[in-house]
Amino acid sequence: MGFTLDSIMSLQDQVKQILNDFDNTSPDKILEILIQIQPTLKSDITQAYLQGKIQAILGISDSAEKKKLCKNLKPYLDWYIQGM
């Protein structure tokens, strides 16, 4: 069937996996998870801010630059885990 490991793992598990191996995780995967986390943030202002950052990164074609900018959003992954 078309199941992947990601479709079986919970969002929390995927966030932990990214945090444990951030340097080897693709920026596209990081952004995919941040997009899933964004609606769970409590503040509308924070949600909108993160959405803007994600959109800006999605517009970049250079993978190294994307990764560098994703690193700036790493606290959102930490906050998601801490809130669980």
PDB file of N, CA and C in Angstrom:
ATOM      1  N   MET A   1       0.873  -1.167   0.000  1.00  0.00           N
ATOM      2  CA  MET A   1       0.000   0.000   0.000  1.00  0.00           C
ATOM      3  C   MET A   1       0.907   1.213   0.000  1.00  0.00           C
ATOM      4  N   GLY A   2       0.648   2.371  -0.020  1.00  0.00           N
ATOM      5  CA  GLY A   2       1.576   3.479  -0.093  1.00  0.00           C
ATOM      6  C   GLY A   2       1.990   4.028   1.249  1.00  0.00           C
ATOM      7  N   PHE A   3       2.104   3.171   2.248  1.00  0.00           N
ATOM      8  CA  PHE A   3       2.479   3.670   3.574  1.00  0.00           C
ATOM      9  C   PHE A   3       3.968   3.870   3.684  1.00  0.00           C
ATOM     10  N   THR A   4       4.349   4.963   4.309  1.00  0.00           N
ATOM     11  CA  THR A   4       5.749   5.213   4.610  1.00  0.00           C
ATOM     12  C   THR A   4       5.883   5.244   6.113  1.00  0.00           C
ATOM     13  N   LEU A   5       7.102   5.213   6.580  1.00  0.00           N
ATOM     14  CA  LEU A   5       7.344   5.281   8.011  1.00  0.00           C
ATOM     15  C   LEU A   5       6.762   6.562   8.587  1.00  0.00           C
ATOM     16  N   ASP A   6       6.871   7.672   7.849  1.00  0.00           N
ATOM     17  CA  ASP A   6       6.347   8.954   8.324  1.00  0.00           C
ATOM     18  C   ASP A   6       4.844   8.915   8.531  1.00  0.00           C
ATOM     19  N   SER A   7       4.122   8.164   7.706  1.00  0.00           N
ATOM     20  CA  SER A   7       2.673   8.127   7.846  1.00  0.00           C
ATOM     21  C   SER A   7       2.249   7.301   9.060  1.00  0.00           C
ATOM     22  N   ILE A   8       3.134   6.478   9.570  1.00  0.00           N
ATOM     23  CA  ILE A   8       2.843   5.657  10.733  1.00  0.00           C
ATOM     24  C   ILE A   8       3.276   6.368  12.015  1.00  0.00           C
ATOM     25  N   MET A   9       4.361   7.111  11.945  1.00  0.00           N
ATOM     26  CA  MET A   9       4.888   7.814  13.109  1.00  0.00           C
ATOM     27  C   MET A   9       3.995   8.993  13.470  1.00  0.00           C
ATOM     28  N   SER A  10       3.837   9.247  14.760  1.00  0.00           N
ATOM     29  CA  SER A  10       3.072  10.412  15.180  1.00  0.00           C
ATOM     30  C   SER A  10       3.871  11.681  14.883  1.00  0.00           C
ATOM     31  N   LEU A  11       3.183  12.798  14.876  1.00  0.00           N
ATOM     32  CA  LEU A  11       3.855  14.078  14.647  1.00  0.00           C
ATOM     33  C   LEU A  11       4.906  14.311  15.727  1.00  0.00           C
ATOM     34  N   GLN A  12       4.567  13.971  16.939  1.00  0.00           N
ATOM     35  CA  GLN A  12       5.519  14.132  18.044  1.00  0.00           C
ATOM     36  C   GLN A  12       6.779  13.306  17.795  1.00  0.00           C
ATOM     37  N   ASP A  13       6.625  12.073  17.338  1.00  0.00           N
ATOM     38  CA  ASP A  13       7.780  11.214  17.050  1.00  0.00           C
ATOM     39  C   ASP A  13       8.622  11.786  15.909  1.00  0.00           C
ATOM     40  N   GLN A  14       7.954  12.328  14.903  1.00  0.00           N
ATOM     41  CA  GLN A  14       8.681  12.908  13.782  1.00  0.00           C
ATOM     42  C   GLN A  14       9.473  14.142  14.213  1.00  0.00           C
ATOM     43  N   VAL A  15       8.886  14.957  15.096  1.00  0.00           N
ATOM     44  CA  VAL A  15       9.590  16.138  15.607  1.00  0.00           C
ATOM     45  C   VAL A  15      10.816  15.701  16.403  1.00  0.00           C
ATOM     46  N   LYS A  16      10.639  14.696  17.251  1.00  0.00           N
ATOM     47  CA  LYS A  16      11.778  14.194  18.038  1.00  0.00           C
ATOM     48  C   LYS A  16      12.879  13.668  17.121  1.00  0.00           C
ATOM     49  N   GLN A  17      12.486  12.967  16.068  1.00  0.00           N
ATOM     50  CA  GLN A  17      13.458  12.424  15.123  1.00  0.00           C
ATOM     51  C   GLN A  17      14.241  13.556  14.458  1.00  0.00           C
ATOM     52  N   ILE A  18      13.554  14.614  14.064  1.00  0.00           N
ATOM     53  CA  ILE A  18      14.226  15.756  13.448  1.00  0.00           C
ATOM     54  C   ILE A  18      15.182  16.402  14.429  1.00  0.00           C
ATOM     55  N   LEU A  19      14.735  16.610  15.656  1.00  0.00           N
ATOM     56  CA  LEU A  19      15.591  17.248  16.658  1.00  0.00           C
ATOM     57  C   LEU A  19      16.829  16.398  16.957  1.00  0.00           C
ATOM     58  N   ASN A  20      16.657  15.081  16.942  1.00  0.00           N
ATOM     59  CA  ASN A  20      17.784  14.191  17.219  1.00  0.00           C
ATOM     60  C   ASN A  20      18.792  14.140  16.076  1.00  0.00           C
ATOM     61  N   ASP A  21      18.361  14.450  14.859  1.00  0.00           N
ATOM     62  CA  ASP A  21      19.244  14.360  13.699  1.00  0.00           C
ATOM     63  C   ASP A  21      19.015  15.556  12.767  1.00  0.00           C
ATOM     64  N   PHE A  22      18.965  16.751  13.343  1.00  0.00           N
ATOM     65  CA  PHE A  22      18.626  17.954  12.591  1.00  0.00           C
ATOM     66  C   PHE A  22      19.547  18.171  11.402  1.00  0.00           C
ATOM     67  N   ASP A  23      20.841  18.003  11.600  1.00  0.00           N
ATOM     68  CA  ASP A  23      21.815  18.294  10.542  1.00  0.00           C
ATOM     69  C   ASP A  23      21.656  17.392   9.320  1.00  0.00           C
ATOM     70  N   ASN A  24      21.101  16.195   9.519  1.00  0.00           N
ATOM     71  CA  ASN A  24      20.946  15.262   8.408  1.00  0.00           C
ATOM     72  C   ASN A  24      19.519  15.199   7.869  1.00  0.00           C
ATOM     73  N   THR A  25      18.641  16.063   8.380  1.00  0.00           N
ATOM     74  CA  THR A  25      17.256  16.096   7.922  1.00  0.00           C
ATOM     75  C   THR A  25      17.121  17.141   6.818  1.00  0.00           C
ATOM     76  N   SER A  26      16.418  16.792   5.753  1.00  0.00           N
ATOM     77  CA  SER A  26      16.272  17.722   4.634  1.00  0.00           C
ATOM     78  C   SER A  26      15.433  18.925   5.062  1.00  0.00           C
ATOM     79  N   PRO A  27      15.744  20.087   4.503  1.00  0.00           N
ATOM     80  CA  PRO A  27      14.950  21.270   4.840  1.00  0.00           C
ATOM     81  C   PRO A  27      13.484  21.102   4.445  1.00  0.00           C
ATOM     82  N   ASP A  28      13.216  20.362   3.373  1.00  0.00           N
ATOM     83  CA  ASP A  28      11.829  20.139   2.964  1.00  0.00           C
ATOM     84  C   ASP A  28      11.060  19.335   4.015  1.00  0.00           C
ATOM     85  N   LYS A  29      11.714  18.366   4.620  1.00  0.00           N
ATOM     86  CA  LYS A  29      11.077  17.574   5.681  1.00  0.00           C
ATOM     87  C   LYS A  29      10.826  18.455   6.909  1.00  0.00           C
ATOM     88  N   ILE A  30      11.791  19.295   7.252  1.00  0.00           N
ATOM     89  CA  ILE A  30      11.632  20.199   8.394  1.00  0.00           C
ATOM     90  C   ILE A  30      10.445  21.123   8.148  1.00  0.00           C
ATOM     91  N   LEU A  31      10.365  21.676   6.951  1.00  0.00           N
ATOM     92  CA  LEU A  31       9.258  22.579   6.616  1.00  0.00           C
ATOM     93  C   LEU A  31       7.923  21.846   6.638  1.00  0.00           C
ATOM     94  N   GLU A  32       7.905  20.613   6.156  1.00  0.00           N
ATOM     95  CA  GLU A  32       6.680  19.804   6.162  1.00  0.00           C
ATOM     96  C   GLU A  32       6.156  19.660   7.598  1.00  0.00           C
ATOM     97  N   ILE A  33       7.052  19.395   8.524  1.00  0.00           N
ATOM     98  CA  ILE A  33       6.662  19.225   9.927  1.00  0.00           C
ATOM     99  C   ILE A  33       6.265  20.564  10.541  1.00  0.00           C
ATOM    100  N   LEU A  34       6.986  21.625  10.226  1.00  0.00           N
ATOM    101  CA  LEU A  34       6.623  22.947  10.748  1.00  0.00           C
ATOM    102  C   LEU A  34       5.230  23.360  10.271  1.00  0.00           C
ATOM    103  N   ILE A  35       4.886  23.016   9.048  1.00  0.00           N
ATOM    104  CA  ILE A  35       3.552  23.318   8.516  1.00  0.00           C
ATOM    105  C   ILE A  35       2.486  22.582   9.330  1.00  0.00           C
ATOM    106  N   GLN A  36       2.793  21.365   9.762  1.00  0.00           N
ATOM    107  CA  GLN A  36       1.843  20.601  10.575  1.00  0.00           C
ATOM    108  C   GLN A  36       1.748  21.144  11.995  1.00  0.00           C
ATOM    109  N   ILE A  37       2.847  21.680  12.511  1.00  0.00           N
ATOM    110  CA  ILE A  37       2.876  22.230  13.864  1.00  0.00           C
ATOM    111  C   ILE A  37       2.178  23.582  13.925  1.00  0.00           C
ATOM    112  N   GLN A  38       2.298  24.363  12.882  1.00  0.00           N
ATOM    113  CA  GLN A  38       1.834  25.751  12.868  1.00  0.00           C
ATOM    114  C   GLN A  38       0.397  25.926  13.392  1.00  0.00           C
ATOM    115  N   PRO A  39      -0.585  25.125  12.990  1.00  0.00           N
ATOM    116  CA  PRO A  39      -1.949  25.340  13.497  1.00  0.00           C
ATOM    117  C   PRO A  39      -2.107  25.019  14.988  1.00  0.00           C
ATOM    118  N   THR A  40      -1.159  24.302  15.565  1.00  0.00           N
ATOM    119  CA  THR A  40      -1.265  23.936  16.982  1.00  0.00           C
ATOM    120  C   THR A  40      -0.748  25.032  17.911  1.00  0.00           C
ATOM    121  N   LEU A  41      -0.105  26.047  17.346  1.00  0.00           N
ATOM    122  CA  LEU A  41       0.411  27.133  18.173  1.00  0.00           C
ATOM    123  C   LEU A  41      -0.755  27.925  18.748  1.00  0.00           C
ATOM    124  N   LYS A  42      -0.608  28.358  19.995  1.00  0.00           N
ATOM    125  CA  LYS A  42      -1.728  28.970  20.713  1.00  0.00           C
ATOM    126  C   LYS A  42      -2.063  30.373  20.233  1.00  0.00           C
ATOM    127  N   SER A  43      -1.086  31.133  19.841  1.00  0.00           N
ATOM    128  CA  SER A  43      -1.287  32.525  19.468  1.00  0.00           C
ATOM    129  C   SER A  43      -1.447  32.670  17.956  1.00  0.00           C
ATOM    130  N   ASP A  44      -2.485  33.409  17.546  1.00  0.00           N
ATOM    131  CA  ASP A  44      -2.685  33.665  16.115  1.00  0.00           C
ATOM    132  C   ASP A  44      -1.512  34.437  15.526  1.00  0.00           C
ATOM    133  N   ILE A  45      -0.950  35.343  16.305  1.00  0.00           N
ATOM    134  CA  ILE A  45       0.188  36.141  15.848  1.00  0.00           C
ATOM    135  C   ILE A  45       1.386  35.227  15.583  1.00  0.00           C
ATOM    136  N   THR A  46       1.617  34.281  16.485  1.00  0.00           N
ATOM    137  CA  THR A  46       2.722  33.344  16.321  1.00  0.00           C
ATOM    138  C   THR A  46       2.490  32.445  15.110  1.00  0.00           C
ATOM    139  N   GLN A  47       1.251  31.998  14.936  1.00  0.00           N
ATOM    140  CA  GLN A  47       0.920  31.171  13.769  1.00  0.00           C
ATOM    141  C   GLN A  47       1.196  31.936  12.478  1.00  0.00           C
ATOM    142  N   ALA A  48       0.763  33.193  12.441  1.00  0.00           N
ATOM    143  CA  ALA A  48       0.950  34.009  11.239  1.00  0.00           C
ATOM    144  C   ALA A  48       2.432  34.279  10.977  1.00  0.00           C
ATOM    145  N   TYR A  49       3.188  34.530  12.046  1.00  0.00           N
ATOM    146  CA  TYR A  49       4.625  34.781  11.911  1.00  0.00           C
ATOM    147  C   TYR A  49       5.321  33.553  11.329  1.00  0.00           C
ATOM    148  N   LEU A  50       5.028  32.383  11.904  1.00  0.00           N
ATOM    149  CA  LEU A  50       5.649  31.149  11.415  1.00  0.00           C
ATOM    150  C   LEU A  50       5.232  30.882   9.970  1.00  0.00           C
ATOM    151  N   GLN A  51       3.970  31.112   9.646  1.00  0.00           N
ATOM    152  CA  GLN A  51       3.501  30.913   8.272  1.00  0.00           C
ATOM    153  C   GLN A  51       4.299  31.771   7.301  1.00  0.00           C
ATOM    154  N   GLY A  52       4.538  33.026   7.675  1.00  0.00           N
ATOM    155  CA  GLY A  52       5.324  33.923   6.823  1.00  0.00           C
ATOM    156  C   GLY A  52       6.745  33.432   6.632  1.00  0.00           C
ATOM    157  N   LYS A  53       7.353  32.959   7.710  1.00  0.00           N
ATOM    158  CA  LYS A  53       8.724  32.436   7.624  1.00  0.00           C
ATOM    159  C   LYS A  53       8.780  31.196   6.734  1.00  0.00           C
ATOM    160  N   ILE A  54       7.808  30.304   6.900  1.00  0.00           N
ATOM    161  CA  ILE A  54       7.758  29.081   6.090  1.00  0.00           C
ATOM    162  C   ILE A  54       7.617  29.449   4.614  1.00  0.00           C
ATOM    163  N   GLN A  55       6.710  30.365   4.303  1.00  0.00           N
ATOM    164  CA  GLN A  55       6.493  30.761   2.910  1.00  0.00           C
ATOM    165  C   GLN A  55       7.758  31.359   2.303  1.00  0.00           C
ATOM    166  N   ALA A  56       8.470  32.165   3.089  1.00  0.00           N
ATOM    167  CA  ALA A  56       9.712  32.768   2.594  1.00  0.00           C
ATOM    168  C   ALA A  56      10.748  31.693   2.281  1.00  0.00           C
ATOM    169  N   ILE A  57      10.860  30.702   3.139  1.00  0.00           N
ATOM    170  CA  ILE A  57      11.835  29.623   2.931  1.00  0.00           C
ATOM    171  C   ILE A  57      11.441  28.771   1.722  1.00  0.00           C
ATOM    172  N   LEU A  58      10.146  28.514   1.571  1.00  0.00           N
ATOM    173  CA  LEU A  58       9.683  27.708   0.435  1.00  0.00           C
ATOM    174  C   LEU A  58      10.025  28.369  -0.899  1.00  0.00           C
ATOM    175  N   GLY A  59      10.185  29.673  -0.902  1.00  0.00           N
ATOM    176  CA  GLY A  59      10.509  30.384  -2.124  1.00  0.00           C
ATOM    177  C   GLY A  59      11.978  30.362  -2.497  1.00  0.00           C
ATOM    178  N   ILE A  60      12.787  29.736  -1.670  1.00  0.00           N
ATOM    179  CA  ILE A  60      14.234  29.680  -1.908  1.00  0.00           C
ATOM    180  C   ILE A  60      14.583  28.354  -2.574  1.00  0.00           C
ATOM    181  N   SER A  61      15.430  28.405  -3.573  1.00  0.00           N
ATOM    182  CA  SER A  61      15.795  27.169  -4.274  1.00  0.00           C
ATOM    183  C   SER A  61      17.095  26.550  -3.756  1.00  0.00           C
ATOM    184  N   ASP A  62      17.950  27.330  -3.131  1.00  0.00           N
ATOM    185  CA  ASP A  62      19.234  26.843  -2.624  1.00  0.00           C
ATOM    186  C   ASP A  62      19.022  26.048  -1.334  1.00  0.00           C
ATOM    187  N   SER A  63      19.312  24.757  -1.398  1.00  0.00           N
ATOM    188  CA  SER A  63      19.073  23.864  -0.260  1.00  0.00           C
ATOM    189  C   SER A  63      19.871  24.269   0.982  1.00  0.00           C
ATOM    190  N   ALA A  64      21.103  24.702   0.799  1.00  0.00           N
ATOM    191  CA  ALA A  64      21.937  25.107   1.941  1.00  0.00           C
ATOM    192  C   ALA A  64      21.348  26.335   2.627  1.00  0.00           C
ATOM    193  N   GLU A  65      20.862  27.272   1.841  1.00  0.00           N
ATOM    194  CA  GLU A  65      20.238  28.475   2.396  1.00  0.00           C
ATOM    195  C   GLU A  65      18.936  28.122   3.121  1.00  0.00           C
ATOM    196  N   LYS A  66      18.160  27.203   2.533  1.00  0.00           N
ATOM    197  CA  LYS A  66      16.931  26.737   3.173  1.00  0.00           C
ATOM    198  C   LYS A  66      17.247  26.134   4.539  1.00  0.00           C
ATOM    199  N   LYS A  67      18.291  25.313   4.573  1.00  0.00           N
ATOM    200  CA  LYS A  67      18.665  24.632   5.812  1.00  0.00           C
ATOM    201  C   LYS A  67      19.052  25.649   6.881  1.00  0.00           C
ATOM    202  N   LYS A  68      19.827  26.660   6.475  1.00  0.00           N
ATOM    203  CA  LYS A  68      20.267  27.692   7.405  1.00  0.00           C
ATOM    204  C   LYS A  68      19.050  28.424   7.996  1.00  0.00           C
ATOM    205  N   LEU A  69      18.094  28.742   7.153  1.00  0.00           N
ATOM    206  CA  LEU A  69      16.899  29.433   7.627  1.00  0.00           C
ATOM    207  C   LEU A  69      16.012  28.522   8.473  1.00  0.00           C
ATOM    208  N   CYS A  70      15.976  27.235   8.145  1.00  0.00           N
ATOM    209  CA  CYS A  70      15.213  26.276   8.956  1.00  0.00           C
ATOM    210  C   CYS A  70      15.791  26.185  10.367  1.00  0.00           C
ATOM    211  N   LYS A  71      17.101  26.304  10.464  1.00  0.00           N
ATOM    212  CA  LYS A  71      17.755  26.236  11.774  1.00  0.00           C
ATOM    213  C   LYS A  71      17.225  27.337  12.694  1.00  0.00           C
ATOM    214  N   ASN A  72      16.896  28.504  12.104  1.00  0.00           N
ATOM    215  CA  ASN A  72      16.334  29.602  12.894  1.00  0.00           C
ATOM    216  C   ASN A  72      14.946  29.274  13.436  1.00  0.00           C
ATOM    217  N   LEU A  73      14.270  28.306  12.829  1.00  0.00           N
ATOM    218  CA  LEU A  73      12.923  27.924  13.255  1.00  0.00           C
ATOM    219  C   LEU A  73      12.917  26.711  14.177  1.00  0.00           C
ATOM    220  N   LYS A  74      14.096  26.214  14.507  1.00  0.00           N
ATOM    221  CA  LYS A  74      14.225  25.044  15.376  1.00  0.00           C
ATOM    222  C   LYS A  74      13.511  25.214  16.730  1.00  0.00           C
ATOM    223  N   PRO A  75      13.478  26.431  17.313  1.00  0.00           N
ATOM    224  CA  PRO A  75      12.756  26.577  18.587  1.00  0.00           C
ATOM    225  C   PRO A  75      11.284  26.166  18.515  1.00  0.00           C
ATOM    226  N   TYR A  76      10.663  26.300  17.354  1.00  0.00           N
ATOM    227  CA  TYR A  76       9.268  25.870  17.222  1.00  0.00           C
ATOM    228  C   TYR A  76       9.135  24.365  17.426  1.00  0.00           C
ATOM    229  N   LEU A  77      10.122  23.624  16.973  1.00  0.00           N
ATOM    230  CA  LEU A  77      10.120  22.172  17.192  1.00  0.00           C
ATOM    231  C   LEU A  77      10.284  21.864  18.677  1.00  0.00           C
ATOM    232  N   ASP A  78      11.190  22.587  19.319  1.00  0.00           N
ATOM    233  CA  ASP A  78      11.400  22.408  20.762  1.00  0.00           C
ATOM    234  C   ASP A  78      10.128  22.738  21.547  1.00  0.00           C
ATOM    235  N   TRP A  79       9.496  23.857  21.190  1.00  0.00           N
ATOM    236  CA  TRP A  79       8.276  24.278  21.894  1.00  0.00           C
ATOM    237  C   TRP A  79       7.168  23.256  21.715  1.00  0.00           C
ATOM    238  N   TYR A  80       7.086  22.669  20.527  1.00  0.00           N
ATOM    239  CA  TYR A  80       6.051  21.670  20.270  1.00  0.00           C
ATOM    240  C   TYR A  80       6.246  20.468  21.202  1.00  0.00           C
ATOM    241  N   ILE A  81       7.458  20.004  21.316  1.00  0.00           N
ATOM    242  CA  ILE A  81       7.754  18.856  22.181  1.00  0.00           C
ATOM    243  C   ILE A  81       7.502  19.202  23.645  1.00  0.00           C
ATOM    244  N   GLN A  82       7.916  20.375  24.069  1.00  0.00           N
ATOM    245  CA  GLN A  82       7.742  20.773  25.464  1.00  0.00           C
ATOM    246  C   GLN A  82       6.271  20.912  25.833  1.00  0.00           C
ATOM    247  N   GLY A  83       5.453  21.254  24.847  1.00  0.00           N
ATOM    248  CA  GLY A  83       4.019  21.425  25.106  1.00  0.00           C
ATOM    249  C   GLY A  83       3.256  20.123  25.169  1.00  0.00           C
ATOM    250  N   MET A  84       3.909  19.028  24.816  1.00  0.00           N
ATOM    251  CA  MET A  84       3.239  17.716  24.801  1.00  0.00           C
ATOM    252  C   MET A  84       3.147  17.130  26.186  1.00  0.00           C
TER     253      MET A  84
END
